[in-house]
């Protein structure tokens, strides 16, 4: 993944995890930690460290965290999950728009 990320000008990491926050969080992220090979889950900061090591380049990076309370199998999204999803999509579109300026 780090090679593909290093080829980009902008990367947006989106993660949904258990949490009780009322809103999503959107923040810039930067290389952090020690470079390590990642499996299924990898910290965005570590991926950016690998980008720097592999390509001597780190794209502009954002991290969007979407809090959730139930990740079980079911039909449809709850009203809160729907609101969080819409907020995340709006944030992604705004980041892309701002990057093009």
Protein backbone atom coordinates (compact mmCIF):
# COMPACT_ATOMS: atom_id res chain seq x y z
CA UNK A 1 0.00 0.00 0.00
CA UNK A 2 2.82 2.43 0.78
CA UNK A 3 4.03 2.41 -2.84
CA UNK A 4 0.55 3.36 -4.12
CA UNK A 5 0.17 6.02 -1.42
CA UNK A 6 3.59 7.49 -2.23
CA UNK A 7 2.44 7.99 -5.84
CA UNK A 8 -0.44 10.23 -4.72
CA UNK A 9 -0.58 13.95 -4.00
CA UNK A 10 -3.38 13.47 -1.49
CA UNK A 11 -4.47 10.52 0.61
CA UNK A 12 -7.47 10.28 2.93
CA UNK A 13 -7.62 7.49 5.49
CA UNK A 14 -11.10 6.65 6.76
CA UNK A 15 -11.63 4.33 9.71
CA UNK A 16 -14.74 3.27 11.57
CA UNK A 17 -14.22 1.94 15.07
CA UNK A 18 -16.08 1.54 18.31
CA UNK A 19 -16.48 4.89 20.00
CA UNK A 20 -19.01 7.02 21.76
CA UNK A 21 -18.21 10.37 20.15
CA UNK A 22 -21.16 12.30 18.78
CA UNK A 23 -19.32 13.42 15.65
CA UNK A 24 -16.66 12.20 13.27
CA UNK A 25 -13.17 13.61 13.64
CA UNK A 26 -11.15 14.97 10.75
CA UNK A 27 -7.48 15.79 11.13
CA UNK A 28 -4.28 16.10 9.15
CA UNK A 29 -1.94 13.20 9.74
CA UNK A 30 1.82 12.96 9.35
CA UNK A 31 4.50 10.28 9.38
CA UNK A 32 4.90 8.87 12.86
CA UNK A 33 6.28 5.80 14.52
CA UNK A 34 8.80 3.36 13.18
CA UNK A 35 8.52 1.84 9.73
CA UNK A 36 7.10 -1.64 9.92
CA UNK A 37 5.42 -4.10 7.65
CA UNK A 38 1.68 -3.94 8.20
CA UNK A 39 -0.91 -6.65 7.89
CA UNK A 40 -4.65 -6.08 7.58
CA UNK A 41 -4.60 -3.02 9.84
CA UNK A 42 -1.90 -0.40 9.74
CA UNK A 43 -1.59 2.98 11.38
CA UNK A 44 -1.68 5.83 8.81
CA UNK A 45 1.41 7.39 10.41
CA UNK A 46 3.38 4.18 9.86
CA UNK A 47 2.25 3.98 6.23
CA UNK A 48 3.45 7.54 5.71
CA UNK A 49 6.83 6.69 7.26
CA UNK A 50 7.11 3.83 4.77
CA UNK A 51 6.21 6.24 1.92
CA UNK A 52 9.03 8.52 2.98
CA UNK A 53 11.49 5.64 3.17
CA UNK A 54 10.42 4.06 -0.13
CA UNK A 55 9.91 7.15 -2.29
CA UNK A 56 11.31 10.08 -0.28
CA UNK A 57 7.85 11.58 -0.62
CA UNK A 58 4.89 11.95 1.69
CA UNK A 59 1.56 13.11 0.25
CA UNK A 60 -0.78 15.46 2.06
CA UNK A 61 -2.69 13.10 4.35
CA UNK A 62 -5.93 13.30 6.32
CA UNK A 63 -7.49 10.89 8.77
CA UNK A 64 -11.25 10.64 9.26
CA UNK A 65 -12.43 8.63 12.26
CA UNK A 66 -16.06 7.53 12.28
CA UNK A 67 -17.29 6.40 15.70
CA UNK A 68 -19.70 3.50 15.77
CA UNK A 69 -21.54 1.48 18.36
CA UNK A 70 -22.71 -1.63 16.51
CA UNK A 71 -20.79 -3.43 13.78
CA UNK A 72 -22.95 -6.51 13.72
CA UNK A 73 -24.63 -7.89 10.63
CA UNK A 74 -27.93 -6.20 9.94
CA UNK A 75 -29.93 -4.36 7.36
CA UNK A 76 -29.30 -0.71 6.73
CA UNK A 77 -27.57 1.88 8.86
CA UNK A 78 -28.85 3.42 12.05
CA UNK A 79 -29.79 7.12 11.90
CA UNK A 80 -26.55 8.00 13.75
CA UNK A 81 -24.44 5.86 11.40
CA UNK A 82 -26.16 7.45 8.40
CA UNK A 83 -25.38 10.94 9.75
CA UNK A 84 -21.74 9.97 10.37
CA UNK A 85 -21.42 8.50 6.88
CA UNK A 86 -22.86 11.65 5.29
CA UNK A 87 -20.51 13.82 7.34
CA UNK A 88 -17.52 11.69 6.30
CA UNK A 89 -18.44 11.89 2.61
CA UNK A 90 -18.89 15.67 2.89
CA UNK A 91 -15.50 15.94 4.60
CA UNK A 92 -13.79 13.89 1.88
CA UNK A 93 -15.33 16.06 -0.85
CA UNK A 94 -14.31 19.26 0.97
CA UNK A 95 -10.73 18.05 1.44
CA UNK A 96 -10.48 17.22 -2.27
CA UNK A 97 -11.97 20.59 -3.22
CA UNK A 98 -9.56 22.46 -0.93
CA UNK A 99 -6.59 20.47 -2.28
CA UNK A 100 -7.41 21.55 -5.86
CA UNK A 101 -7.18 25.25 -4.97
